[in-house]
Amino acid sequence: MRNLTTLLTAAILLSAAVFPSLANEYTKGVVKKVDAKAGKVTIIHEELTKLDMPAMTMVFRLADEAMLERMKEGAEIEFIADRVQGKLVVTDLK
């Protein structure tokens, strides 16, 4: 029983160390189009592992309007995307 408790504790600590890093994994992409008026950006991106999406081109909303200043067509970016109220949103940008 003691070995089982030790094993479970180790598994919990390991998963706590691994999963936060997955949650903050940046994805590389290229800005294809910026729609400042709508607050949206079209990105050609690599696989979004957190969202279980293959590489593709898609439209995202921005969590912060200040990100628009850093989004220029043709710019190579690294970003984090998430679902926010059912919509795909860029939540962080390098």
C-alpha atoms as a PDB file:
ATOM      1  CA  MET A   1       0.000   0.000   0.000  1.00  0.00           C
ATOM      2  CA  ARG A   2       2.847   2.344   0.836  1.00  0.00           C
ATOM      3  CA  ASN A   3       4.449   1.737  -2.576  1.00  0.00           C
ATOM      4  CA  LEU A   4       1.151   2.493  -4.291  1.00  0.00           C
ATOM      5  CA  THR A   5       0.815   5.786  -2.394  1.00  0.00           C
ATOM      6  CA  THR A   6       4.370   6.742  -3.314  1.00  0.00           C
ATOM      7  CA  LEU A   7       3.750   5.865  -6.954  1.00  0.00           C
ATOM      8  CA  LEU A   8       0.503   7.862  -7.102  1.00  0.00           C
ATOM      9  CA  THR A   9       2.163  10.868  -5.466  1.00  0.00           C
ATOM     10  CA  ALA A  10       4.996  10.737  -7.995  1.00  0.00           C
ATOM     11  CA  ALA A  11       2.500  10.498 -10.875  1.00  0.00           C
ATOM     12  CA  ILE A  12       0.565  13.527  -9.624  1.00  0.00           C
ATOM     13  CA  LEU A  13       3.727  15.593  -9.226  1.00  0.00           C
ATOM     14  CA  LEU A  14       4.947  14.584 -12.676  1.00  0.00           C
ATOM     15  CA  SER A  15       1.636  15.421 -14.363  1.00  0.00           C
ATOM     16  CA  ALA A  16       1.548  18.805 -12.608  1.00  0.00           C
ATOM     17  CA  ALA A  17       4.990  19.537 -14.017  1.00  0.00           C
ATOM     18  CA  VAL A  18       4.139  18.376 -17.551  1.00  0.00           C
ATOM     19  CA  PHE A  19       0.640  19.750 -18.197  1.00  0.00           C
ATOM     20  CA  PRO A  20       1.270  23.435 -17.435  1.00  0.00           C
ATOM     21  CA  SER A  21       4.036  23.416 -20.031  1.00  0.00           C
ATOM     22  CA  LEU A  22       1.581  22.022 -22.593  1.00  0.00           C
ATOM     23  CA  ALA A  23      -0.919  24.729 -21.738  1.00  0.00           C
ATOM     24  CA  ASN A  24       1.650  27.400 -22.517  1.00  0.00           C
ATOM     25  CA  GLU A  25       3.127  25.858 -25.652  1.00  0.00           C
ATOM     26  CA  TYR A  26       3.691  28.448 -28.367  1.00  0.00           C
ATOM     27  CA  THR A  27       2.813  27.681 -31.982  1.00  0.00           C
ATOM     28  CA  LYS A  28       4.637  29.149 -34.965  1.00  0.00           C
ATOM     29  CA  GLY A  29       2.660  30.890 -37.669  1.00  0.00           C
ATOM     30  CA  VAL A  30       2.644  33.517 -40.378  1.00  0.00           C
ATOM     31  CA  VAL A  31       0.122  36.351 -40.425  1.00  0.00           C
ATOM     32  CA  LYS A  32      -1.817  36.167 -43.679  1.00  0.00           C
ATOM     33  CA  LYS A  33      -4.390  38.928 -43.108  1.00  0.00           C
ATOM     34  CA  VAL A  34      -5.230  41.498 -40.454  1.00  0.00           C
ATOM     35  CA  ASP A  35      -8.780  42.811 -40.024  1.00  0.00           C
ATOM     36  CA  ALA A  36      -8.238  45.557 -37.450  1.00  0.00           C
ATOM     37  CA  LYS A  37     -11.838  46.762 -37.619  1.00  0.00           C
ATOM     38  CA  ALA A  38     -13.174  43.325 -36.653  1.00  0.00           C
ATOM     39  CA  GLY A  39     -10.272  42.561 -34.294  1.00  0.00           C
ATOM     40  CA  LYS A  40      -9.438  39.389 -36.193  1.00  0.00           C
ATOM     41  CA  VAL A  41      -6.320  37.970 -37.787  1.00  0.00           C
ATOM     42  CA  THR A  42      -5.835  35.128 -40.276  1.00  0.00           C
ATOM     43  CA  ILE A  43      -2.837  32.951 -39.433  1.00  0.00           C
ATOM     44  CA  ILE A  44      -1.171  30.124 -41.354  1.00  0.00           C
ATOM     45  CA  HIS A  45      -0.102  28.006 -38.391  1.00  0.00           C
ATOM     46  CA  GLU A  46       1.586  24.787 -37.396  1.00  0.00           C
ATOM     47  CA  GLU A  47      -0.270  22.126 -35.431  1.00  0.00           C
ATOM     48  CA  LEU A  48      -2.124  23.463 -32.378  1.00  0.00           C
ATOM     49  CA  THR A  49      -1.507  20.524 -30.040  1.00  0.00           C
ATOM     50  CA  LYS A  50      -3.463  22.016 -27.136  1.00  0.00           C
ATOM     51  CA  LEU A  51      -6.547  22.348 -29.353  1.00  0.00           C
ATOM     52  CA  ASP A  52      -5.900  19.079 -31.213  1.00  0.00           C
ATOM     53  CA  MET A  53      -5.853  20.858 -34.606  1.00  0.00           C
ATOM     54  CA  PRO A  54      -3.591  20.092 -37.552  1.00  0.00           C
ATOM     55  CA  ALA A  55      -1.598  22.774 -39.346  1.00  0.00           C
ATOM     56  CA  MET A  56      -3.900  25.005 -41.404  1.00  0.00           C
ATOM     57  CA  THR A  57      -4.951  28.577 -42.135  1.00  0.00           C
ATOM     58  CA  MET A  58      -7.649  30.013 -39.895  1.00  0.00           C
ATOM     59  CA  VAL A  59      -9.105  33.188 -38.428  1.00  0.00           C
ATOM     60  CA  PHE A  60      -8.576  34.062 -34.763  1.00  0.00           C
ATOM     61  CA  ARG A  61      -9.896  36.785 -32.502  1.00  0.00           C
ATOM     62  CA  LEU A  62      -7.407  38.601 -30.274  1.00  0.00           C
ATOM     63  CA  ALA A  63      -7.604  38.589 -26.486  1.00  0.00           C
ATOM     64  CA  ASP A  64      -6.013  42.044 -26.384  1.00  0.00           C
ATOM     65  CA  GLU A  65      -6.448  44.750 -29.034  1.00  0.00           C
ATOM     66  CA  ALA A  66      -2.858  45.863 -28.391  1.00  0.00           C
ATOM     67  CA  MET A  67      -1.759  42.690 -30.227  1.00  0.00           C
ATOM     68  CA  LEU A  68      -3.030  44.244 -33.481  1.00  0.00           C
ATOM     69  CA  GLU A  69      -0.050  46.591 -33.513  1.00  0.00           C
ATOM     70  CA  ARG A  70       2.293  43.601 -33.639  1.00  0.00           C
ATOM     71  CA  MET A  71       0.325  41.756 -36.335  1.00  0.00           C
ATOM     72  CA  LYS A  72       1.535  42.670 -39.826  1.00  0.00           C
ATOM     73  CA  GLU A  73       0.795  40.670 -42.968  1.00  0.00           C
ATOM     74  CA  GLY A  74       3.700  38.325 -43.668  1.00  0.00           C
ATOM     75  CA  ALA A  75       5.061  38.549 -40.105  1.00  0.00           C
ATOM     76  CA  GLU A  76       6.353  35.339 -38.542  1.00  0.00           C
ATOM     77  CA  ILE A  77       4.901  34.969 -35.048  1.00  0.00           C
ATOM     78  CA  GLU A  78       4.737  32.585 -32.123  1.00  0.00           C
ATOM     79  CA  PHE A  79       1.425  32.514 -30.299  1.00  0.00           C
ATOM     80  CA  ILE A  80      -0.820  30.676 -27.883  1.00  0.00           C
ATOM     81  CA  ALA A  81      -4.423  30.076 -28.908  1.00  0.00           C
ATOM     82  CA  ASP A  82      -7.328  28.858 -26.832  1.00  0.00           C
ATOM     83  CA  ARG A  83     -11.097  28.524 -27.003  1.00  0.00           C
ATOM     84  CA  VAL A  84     -12.786  31.420 -25.225  1.00  0.00           C
ATOM     85  CA  GLN A  85     -16.586  31.278 -25.105  1.00  0.00           C
ATOM     86  CA  GLY A  86     -16.529  28.914 -28.084  1.00  0.00           C
ATOM     87  CA  LYS A  87     -14.313  31.154 -30.241  1.00  0.00           C
ATOM     88  CA  LEU A  88     -10.663  30.651 -31.148  1.00  0.00           C
ATOM     89  CA  VAL A  89      -8.607  33.422 -29.571  1.00  0.00           C
ATOM     90  CA  VAL A  90      -4.923  34.349 -29.631  1.00  0.00           C
ATOM     91  CA  THR A  91      -4.254  34.734 -25.914  1.00  0.00           C
ATOM     92  CA  ASP A  92      -0.513  35.420 -25.993  1.00  0.00           C
ATOM     93  CA  LEU A  93       2.019  36.558 -28.573  1.00  0.00           C
ATOM     94  CA  LYS A  94       5.809  36.516 -28.591  1.00  0.00           C
END
